[in-house]
Amino acid sequence: MTDLQSHHNLLERYQAVKNQVQELADNHGHRVQLLAVSKRHSTESIEQLHKAGQKAFGENYVQEGVEKAQALSHLEIEWHFIGPIQSNKSRQVAEHFHWVHTIDREKIAKRLNDQRPEHLNNLNVLIQVNISEQDSKSGIHLSEVNTLAEAISQLPNLTLRGLMCIPAPLDDTQLEHEFTAMRKTYEELKQNHPSVDTLSMGMSQDLELAIKCGSNMVRIGTAIFGARH
């Protein structure tokens, strides 16, 4: 495949996903932000999508994300960190990203707060919920959300924006049950924390159900970029 064909296919897939998300958002009566998950994909692909109007990109790996943010610093890109954070990598996340989706303990929140450079705006953070209660996944139980949210709200360099989850591969009935539980907790959180406005759930395989259940940010990788090489 030539570079030109590859570029054309990328933009075609992107437009198709964008149209699908817009249609679902219209059907369910709320706005939905599309986050393009660019891990393991080239800066050239990100640049092409940025030219086509995509402004928010998600990265799972700190080093890769930082390198991309530096290489593309001439572009107005909103970088979201969506992978697990190790303590020894928190400074790089605090210095180079605009959003973090994966806060699941107070210790990491405090480190990000203390390491956020003074000249940057507050770091936008989401609490990661382990909605399927999988041992292999990061995140907290729904019952712990309020306690962690309260702790984050005391940190001056962070702004609590909402919740995120990565559910287990389930049938639609179970998945809808979990997404609905997330939505309920999100609505309750909004009552106590005025800055909360984001429910990040839904990926390439389940975005339709997620939006139906109230998601207003979907994280899409494969459906836009194609399979990773």
C-alpha atoms as a PDB file:
ATOM      1  CA  MET A   1       0.000   0.000   0.000  1.00  0.00           C
ATOM      2  CA  THR A   2       1.368   3.450  -0.894  1.00  0.00           C
ATOM      3  CA  ASP A   3       1.668   6.256   1.656  1.00  0.00           C
ATOM      4  CA  LEU A   4      -1.083   8.094  -0.222  1.00  0.00           C
ATOM      5  CA  GLN A   5      -3.491   5.126   0.045  1.00  0.00           C
ATOM      6  CA  SER A   6      -2.607   4.678   3.703  1.00  0.00           C
ATOM      7  CA  HIS A   7      -3.292   8.369   4.378  1.00  0.00           C
ATOM      8  CA  HIS A   8      -6.606   8.158   2.496  1.00  0.00           C
ATOM      9  CA  ASN A   9      -7.689   5.047   4.442  1.00  0.00           C
ATOM     10  CA  LEU A  10      -6.837   6.675   7.775  1.00  0.00           C
ATOM     11  CA  LEU A  11      -8.925   9.740   6.973  1.00  0.00           C
ATOM     12  CA  GLU A  12     -11.790   7.585   5.702  1.00  0.00           C
ATOM     13  CA  ARG A  13     -11.862   5.528   8.914  1.00  0.00           C
ATOM     14  CA  TYR A  14     -11.628   8.681  11.019  1.00  0.00           C
ATOM     15  CA  GLN A  15     -14.518  10.334   9.197  1.00  0.00           C
ATOM     16  CA  ALA A  16     -16.643   7.189   9.537  1.00  0.00           C
ATOM     17  CA  VAL A  17     -16.029   7.012  13.307  1.00  0.00           C
ATOM     18  CA  LYS A  18     -16.653  10.744  13.704  1.00  0.00           C
ATOM     19  CA  ASN A  19     -19.945  10.454  11.844  1.00  0.00           C
ATOM     20  CA  GLN A  20     -20.988   7.420  13.906  1.00  0.00           C
ATOM     21  CA  VAL A  21     -20.216   9.170  17.204  1.00  0.00           C
ATOM     22  CA  GLN A  22     -22.062  12.317  16.081  1.00  0.00           C
ATOM     23  CA  GLU A  23     -25.112  10.325  15.018  1.00  0.00           C
ATOM     24  CA  LEU A  24     -25.219   8.410  18.314  1.00  0.00           C
ATOM     25  CA  ALA A  25     -24.768  11.628  20.279  1.00  0.00           C
ATOM     26  CA  ASP A  26     -27.643  13.261  18.379  1.00  0.00           C
ATOM     27  CA  ASN A  27     -29.860  10.203  18.915  1.00  0.00           C
ATOM     28  CA  HIS A  28     -29.280  10.252  22.671  1.00  0.00           C
ATOM     29  CA  GLY A  29     -29.370  14.014  23.067  1.00  0.00           C
ATOM     30  CA  HIS A  30     -25.947  14.815  24.491  1.00  0.00           C
ATOM     31  CA  ARG A  31     -22.516  15.855  23.239  1.00  0.00           C
ATOM     32  CA  VAL A  32     -19.752  13.245  22.989  1.00  0.00           C
ATOM     33  CA  GLN A  33     -16.039  13.986  22.649  1.00  0.00           C
ATOM     34  CA  LEU A  34     -13.959  11.671  20.490  1.00  0.00           C
ATOM     35  CA  LEU A  35     -10.543  10.808  21.933  1.00  0.00           C
ATOM     36  CA  ALA A  36      -8.262   9.239  19.298  1.00  0.00           C
ATOM     37  CA  VAL A  37      -6.088   6.593  20.974  1.00  0.00           C
ATOM     38  CA  SER A  38      -2.773   6.904  19.179  1.00  0.00           C
ATOM     39  CA  LYS A  39      -0.533   4.516  21.134  1.00  0.00           C
ATOM     40  CA  ARG A  40       1.913   2.623  18.903  1.00  0.00           C
ATOM     41  CA  HIS A  41       0.954   4.828  15.940  1.00  0.00           C
ATOM     42  CA  SER A  42       3.172   7.356  14.207  1.00  0.00           C
ATOM     43  CA  THR A  43       3.430  11.094  14.716  1.00  0.00           C
ATOM     44  CA  GLU A  44       2.697  11.380  10.964  1.00  0.00           C
ATOM     45  CA  SER A  45      -0.707   9.725  11.482  1.00  0.00           C
ATOM     46  CA  ILE A  46      -1.460  12.029  14.422  1.00  0.00           C
ATOM     47  CA  GLU A  47      -0.485  15.040  12.333  1.00  0.00           C
ATOM     48  CA  GLN A  48      -2.792  13.934   9.502  1.00  0.00           C
ATOM     49  CA  LEU A  49      -5.734  13.544  11.878  1.00  0.00           C
ATOM     50  CA  HIS A  50      -4.960  16.879  13.509  1.00  0.00           C
ATOM     51  CA  LYS A  51      -5.143  18.525  10.071  1.00  0.00           C
ATOM     52  CA  ALA A  52      -8.520  16.838   9.605  1.00  0.00           C
ATOM     53  CA  GLY A  53      -9.773  18.456  12.823  1.00  0.00           C
ATOM     54  CA  GLN A  54      -8.969  15.975  15.616  1.00  0.00           C
ATOM     55  CA  LYS A  55      -7.514  17.810  18.622  1.00  0.00           C
ATOM     56  CA  ALA A  56      -7.486  15.233  21.487  1.00  0.00           C
ATOM     57  CA  PHE A  57      -5.198  12.176  21.496  1.00  0.00           C
ATOM     58  CA  GLY A  58      -4.731   9.434  24.095  1.00  0.00           C
ATOM     59  CA  GLU A  59      -1.472   7.668  24.946  1.00  0.00           C
ATOM     60  CA  ASN A  60      -0.960   4.602  27.185  1.00  0.00           C
ATOM     61  CA  TYR A  61       2.806   4.627  27.623  1.00  0.00           C
ATOM     62  CA  VAL A  62       4.596   7.522  29.310  1.00  0.00           C
ATOM     63  CA  GLN A  63       7.815   7.575  27.299  1.00  0.00           C
ATOM     64  CA  GLU A  64       6.062   7.212  23.952  1.00  0.00           C
ATOM     65  CA  GLY A  65       3.507   9.856  24.852  1.00  0.00           C
ATOM     66  CA  VAL A  66       6.125  12.346  26.032  1.00  0.00           C
ATOM     67  CA  GLU A  67       8.198  11.876  22.875  1.00  0.00           C
ATOM     68  CA  LYS A  68       5.132  12.494  20.696  1.00  0.00           C
ATOM     69  CA  ALA A  69       4.094  15.553  22.719  1.00  0.00           C
ATOM     70  CA  GLN A  70       7.588  16.999  22.274  1.00  0.00           C
ATOM     71  CA  ALA A  71       7.795  16.139  18.563  1.00  0.00           C
ATOM     72  CA  LEU A  72       4.383  17.718  17.896  1.00  0.00           C
ATOM     73  CA  SER A  73       4.687  20.669  20.278  1.00  0.00           C
ATOM     74  CA  HIS A  74       4.103  23.031  17.332  1.00  0.00           C
ATOM     75  CA  LEU A  75       0.517  21.754  17.081  1.00  0.00           C
ATOM     76  CA  GLU A  76      -2.354  22.555  19.421  1.00  0.00           C
ATOM     77  CA  ILE A  77      -2.992  19.036  20.706  1.00  0.00           C
ATOM     78  CA  GLU A  78      -4.724  18.063  23.937  1.00  0.00           C
ATOM     79  CA  TRP A  79      -2.790  15.054  25.281  1.00  0.00           C
ATOM     80  CA  HIS A  80      -4.625  12.527  27.466  1.00  0.00           C
ATOM     81  CA  PHE A  81      -2.728   9.916  29.471  1.00  0.00           C
ATOM     82  CA  ILE A  82      -4.870   6.760  29.619  1.00  0.00           C
ATOM     83  CA  GLY A  83      -2.442   4.119  30.906  1.00  0.00           C
ATOM     84  CA  PRO A  84      -1.488   3.032  34.427  1.00  0.00           C
ATOM     85  CA  ILE A  85       0.861   5.431  36.241  1.00  0.00           C
ATOM     86  CA  GLN A  86       3.905   4.233  38.144  1.00  0.00           C
ATOM     87  CA  SER A  87       5.248   6.554  40.836  1.00  0.00           C
ATOM     88  CA  ASN A  88       8.601   6.950  39.069  1.00  0.00           C
ATOM     89  CA  LYS A  89       6.860   8.175  35.889  1.00  0.00           C
ATOM     90  CA  SER A  90       4.418  10.613  37.487  1.00  0.00           C
ATOM     91  CA  ARG A  91       6.611  13.690  36.953  1.00  0.00           C
ATOM     92  CA  GLN A  92       6.722  13.164  33.179  1.00  0.00           C
ATOM     93  CA  VAL A  93       2.942  12.780  33.103  1.00  0.00           C
ATOM     94  CA  ALA A  94       2.480  15.931  35.199  1.00  0.00           C
ATOM     95  CA  GLU A  95       4.788  17.920  32.911  1.00  0.00           C
ATOM     96  CA  HIS A  96       3.561  16.836  29.463  1.00  0.00           C
ATOM     97  CA  PHE A  97      -0.129  15.892  29.552  1.00  0.00           C
ATOM     98  CA  HIS A  98      -3.318  17.931  29.828  1.00  0.00           C
ATOM     99  CA  TRP A  99      -5.512  15.088  31.114  1.00  0.00           C
ATOM    100  CA  VAL A 100      -5.005  11.894  33.137  1.00  0.00           C
ATOM    101  CA  HIS A 101      -7.757   9.248  33.046  1.00  0.00           C
ATOM    102  CA  THR A 102      -6.270   6.715  35.419  1.00  0.00           C
ATOM    103  CA  ILE A 103      -6.200   8.103  38.969  1.00  0.00           C
ATOM    104  CA  ASP A 104      -6.924   5.230  41.349  1.00  0.00           C
ATOM    105  CA  ARG A 105      -5.080   6.229  44.530  1.00  0.00           C
ATOM    106  CA  GLU A 106      -4.467   9.357  46.519  1.00  0.00           C
ATOM    107  CA  LYS A 107      -0.675   8.899  46.491  1.00  0.00           C
ATOM    108  CA  ILE A 108      -0.505   9.275  42.682  1.00  0.00           C
ATOM    109  CA  ALA A 109      -2.895  12.241  42.737  1.00  0.00           C
ATOM    110  CA  LYS A 110      -0.661  13.995  45.276  1.00  0.00           C
ATOM    111  CA  ARG A 111       2.483  13.321  43.255  1.00  0.00           C
ATOM    112  CA  LEU A 112       0.871  14.707  40.073  1.00  0.00           C
ATOM    113  CA  ASN A 113      -0.310  17.757  42.008  1.00  0.00           C
ATOM    114  CA  ASP A 114       3.126  18.441  43.514  1.00  0.00           C
ATOM    115  CA  GLN A 115       4.936  17.845  40.207  1.00  0.00           C
ATOM    116  CA  ARG A 116       2.641  19.949  38.000  1.00  0.00           C
ATOM    117  CA  PRO A 117       4.723  22.897  36.720  1.00  0.00           C
ATOM    118  CA  GLU A 118       3.497  26.286  37.947  1.00  0.00           C
ATOM    119  CA  HIS A 119       3.321  27.794  34.457  1.00  0.00           C
ATOM    120  CA  LEU A 120       0.819  25.159  33.258  1.00  0.00           C
ATOM    121  CA  ASN A 121      -2.933  25.113  33.792  1.00  0.00           C
ATOM    122  CA  ASN A 122      -4.376  22.605  36.231  1.00  0.00           C
ATOM    123  CA  LEU A 123      -4.093  18.952  35.241  1.00  0.00           C
ATOM    124  CA  ASN A 124      -7.547  17.559  34.419  1.00  0.00           C
ATOM    125  CA  VAL A 125      -8.064  14.181  36.088  1.00  0.00           C
ATOM    126  CA  LEU A 126     -10.532  11.319  35.943  1.00  0.00           C
ATOM    127  CA  ILE A 127     -10.926   8.621  38.586  1.00  0.00           C
ATOM    128  CA  GLN A 128     -10.571   5.141  37.118  1.00  0.00           C
ATOM    129  CA  VAL A 129     -13.237   2.713  38.320  1.00  0.00           C
ATOM    130  CA  ASN A 130     -12.674  -1.045  38.101  1.00  0.00           C
ATOM    131  CA  ILE A 131     -16.310  -1.521  37.142  1.00  0.00           C
ATOM    132  CA  SER A 132     -16.019  -5.255  36.363  1.00  0.00           C
ATOM    133  CA  GLU A 133     -13.959  -5.851  39.529  1.00  0.00           C
ATOM    134  CA  GLN A 134     -11.204  -7.638  37.612  1.00  0.00           C
ATOM    135  CA  ASP A 135      -8.055  -8.529  39.541  1.00  0.00           C
ATOM    136  CA  SER A 136      -5.966  -7.761  36.450  1.00  0.00           C
ATOM    137  CA  LYS A 137      -7.293  -4.200  36.034  1.00  0.00           C
ATOM    138  CA  SER A 138      -6.455  -0.942  37.775  1.00  0.00           C
ATOM    139  CA  GLY A 139      -9.163   1.188  39.295  1.00  0.00           C
ATOM    140  CA  ILE A 140     -11.200   1.495  42.465  1.00  0.00           C
ATOM    141  CA  HIS A 141     -14.576   0.151  43.529  1.00  0.00           C
ATOM    142  CA  LEU A 142     -17.586   2.409  42.950  1.00  0.00           C
ATOM    143  CA  SER A 143     -18.051   2.660  46.719  1.00  0.00           C
ATOM    144  CA  GLU A 144     -14.608   4.329  47.024  1.00  0.00           C
ATOM    145  CA  VAL A 145     -15.208   7.081  44.469  1.00  0.00           C
ATOM    146  CA  ASN A 146     -16.450   9.765  46.874  1.00  0.00           C
ATOM    147  CA  THR A 147     -13.486   9.396  49.240  1.00  0.00           C
ATOM    148  CA  LEU A 148     -10.915   9.694  46.449  1.00  0.00           C
ATOM    149  CA  ALA A 149     -12.851  12.551  44.813  1.00  0.00           C
ATOM    150  CA  GLU A 150     -12.804  14.461  48.093  1.00  0.00           C
ATOM    151  CA  ALA A 151      -9.031  14.004  48.402  1.00  0.00           C
ATOM    152  CA  ILE A 152      -8.451  15.161  44.794  1.00  0.00           C
ATOM    153  CA  SER A 153     -10.641  18.225  45.292  1.00  0.00           C
ATOM    154  CA  GLN A 154      -8.221  19.429  47.998  1.00  0.00           C
ATOM    155  CA  LEU A 155      -5.251  19.436  45.584  1.00  0.00           C
ATOM    156  CA  PRO A 156      -4.818  22.912  44.056  1.00  0.00           C
ATOM    157  CA  ASN A 157      -3.062  21.884  40.824  1.00  0.00           C
ATOM    158  CA  LEU A 158      -5.579  19.214  39.798  1.00  0.00           C
ATOM    159  CA  THR A 159      -9.127  19.632  38.531  1.00  0.00           C
ATOM    160  CA  LEU A 160     -11.447  16.662  39.016  1.00  0.00           C
ATOM    161  CA  ARG A 161     -13.374  16.201  35.760  1.00  0.00           C
ATOM    162  CA  GLY A 162     -15.104  12.837  36.250  1.00  0.00           C
ATOM    163  CA  LEU A 163     -14.858   9.077  35.890  1.00  0.00           C
ATOM    164  CA  MET A 164     -13.386   6.505  33.506  1.00  0.00           C
ATOM    165  CA  CYS A 165     -13.742   2.735  33.189  1.00  0.00           C
ATOM    166  CA  ILE A 166     -12.486  -0.170  31.071  1.00  0.00           C
ATOM    167  CA  PRO A 167     -15.035  -2.980  31.494  1.00  0.00           C
ATOM    168  CA  ALA A 168     -14.380  -6.672  30.964  1.00  0.00           C
ATOM    169  CA  PRO A 169     -15.565  -8.167  27.641  1.00  0.00           C
ATOM    170  CA  LEU A 170     -19.184  -8.907  28.589  1.00  0.00           C
ATOM    171  CA  ASP A 171     -22.476  -9.538  26.845  1.00  0.00           C
ATOM    172  CA  ASP A 172     -24.560  -6.436  26.226  1.00  0.00           C
ATOM    173  CA  THR A 173     -26.930  -7.004  29.163  1.00  0.00           C
ATOM    174  CA  GLN A 174     -24.103  -7.162  31.714  1.00  0.00           C
ATOM    175  CA  LEU A 175     -22.239  -4.322  30.022  1.00  0.00           C
ATOM    176  CA  GLU A 176     -25.316  -2.101  30.076  1.00  0.00           C
ATOM    177  CA  HIS A 177     -25.725  -2.846  33.789  1.00  0.00           C
ATOM    178  CA  GLU A 178     -22.111  -1.747  34.464  1.00  0.00           C
ATOM    179  CA  PHE A 179     -22.302   1.360  32.262  1.00  0.00           C
ATOM    180  CA  THR A 180     -25.563   2.357  33.987  1.00  0.00           C
ATOM    181  CA  ALA A 181     -23.923   1.990  37.408  1.00  0.00           C
ATOM    182  CA  MET A 182     -21.098   4.249  36.205  1.00  0.00           C
ATOM    183  CA  ARG A 183     -23.596   6.849  34.988  1.00  0.00           C
ATOM    184  CA  LYS A 184     -25.436   6.829  38.338  1.00  0.00           C
ATOM    185  CA  THR A 185     -22.203   7.365  40.302  1.00  0.00           C
ATOM    186  CA  TYR A 186     -21.121  10.066  37.856  1.00  0.00           C
ATOM    187  CA  GLU A 187     -24.409  11.956  38.317  1.00  0.00           C
ATOM    188  CA  GLU A 188     -24.031  11.745  42.097  1.00  0.00           C
ATOM    189  CA  LEU A 189     -20.439  12.975  41.875  1.00  0.00           C
ATOM    190  CA  LYS A 190     -21.552  16.015  39.848  1.00  0.00           C
ATOM    191  CA  GLN A 191     -23.820  17.082  42.700  1.00  0.00           C
ATOM    192  CA  ASN A 192     -20.870  17.488  45.076  1.00  0.00           C
ATOM    193  CA  HIS A 193     -18.141  18.576  42.650  1.00  0.00           C
ATOM    194  CA  PRO A 194     -19.134  21.326  40.166  1.00  0.00           C
ATOM    195  CA  SER A 195     -16.010  20.748  38.013  1.00  0.00           C
ATOM    196  CA  VAL A 196     -17.175  17.216  37.108  1.00  0.00           C
ATOM    197  CA  ASP A 197     -18.420  17.024  33.510  1.00  0.00           C
ATOM    198  CA  THR A 198     -16.810  13.944  31.918  1.00  0.00           C
ATOM    199  CA  LEU A 199     -17.819  10.285  31.825  1.00  0.00           C
ATOM    200  CA  SER A 200     -15.158   8.492  29.780  1.00  0.00           C
ATOM    201  CA  MET A 201     -16.377   5.053  28.749  1.00  0.00           C
ATOM    202  CA  GLY A 202     -16.687   3.214  25.464  1.00  0.00           C
ATOM    203  CA  MET A 203     -14.059   2.012  23.005  1.00  0.00           C
ATOM    204  CA  SER A 204     -14.143   0.734  19.413  1.00  0.00           C
ATOM    205  CA  GLN A 205     -16.162  -2.393  20.266  1.00  0.00           C
ATOM    206  CA  ASP A 206     -18.746  -0.929  22.685  1.00  0.00           C
ATOM    207  CA  LEU A 207     -19.055   2.776  21.922  1.00  0.00           C
ATOM    208  CA  GLU A 208     -22.712   2.515  20.856  1.00  0.00           C
ATOM    209  CA  LEU A 209     -23.862   1.060  24.171  1.00  0.00           C
ATOM    210  CA  ALA A 210     -21.602   3.407  26.154  1.00  0.00           C
ATOM    211  CA  ILE A 211     -23.108   6.507  24.527  1.00  0.00           C
ATOM    212  CA  LYS A 212     -26.617   5.127  25.041  1.00  0.00           C
ATOM    213  CA  CYS A 213     -25.777   4.801  28.747  1.00  0.00           C
ATOM    214  CA  GLY A 214     -24.539   8.389  29.037  1.00  0.00           C
ATOM    215  CA  SER A 215     -20.860   8.400  28.083  1.00  0.00           C
ATOM    216  CA  ASN A 216     -19.714  11.801  26.832  1.00  0.00           C
ATOM    217  CA  MET A 217     -16.156  10.791  25.937  1.00  0.00           C
ATOM    218  CA  VAL A 218     -15.229   7.696  23.915  1.00  0.00           C
ATOM    219  CA  ARG A 219     -11.674   6.406  23.457  1.00  0.00           C
ATOM    220  CA  ILE A 220     -11.241   5.016  19.949  1.00  0.00           C
ATOM    221  CA  GLY A 221      -8.033   3.494  18.600  1.00  0.00           C
ATOM    222  CA  THR A 222      -8.367   0.532  16.229  1.00  0.00           C
ATOM    223  CA  ALA A 223     -11.482   1.787  14.410  1.00  0.00           C
ATOM    224  CA  ILE A 224      -9.576   4.967  13.477  1.00  0.00           C
ATOM    225  CA  PHE A 225      -5.958   3.891  13.061  1.00  0.00           C
ATOM    226  CA  GLY A 226      -6.475   0.259  12.002  1.00  0.00           C
ATOM    227  CA  ALA A 227      -4.582  -2.654  13.527  1.00  0.00           C
ATOM    228  CA  ARG A 228      -1.214  -1.846  15.147  1.00  0.00           C
ATOM    229  CA  HIS A 229       1.853  -3.249  13.418  1.00  0.00           C
END
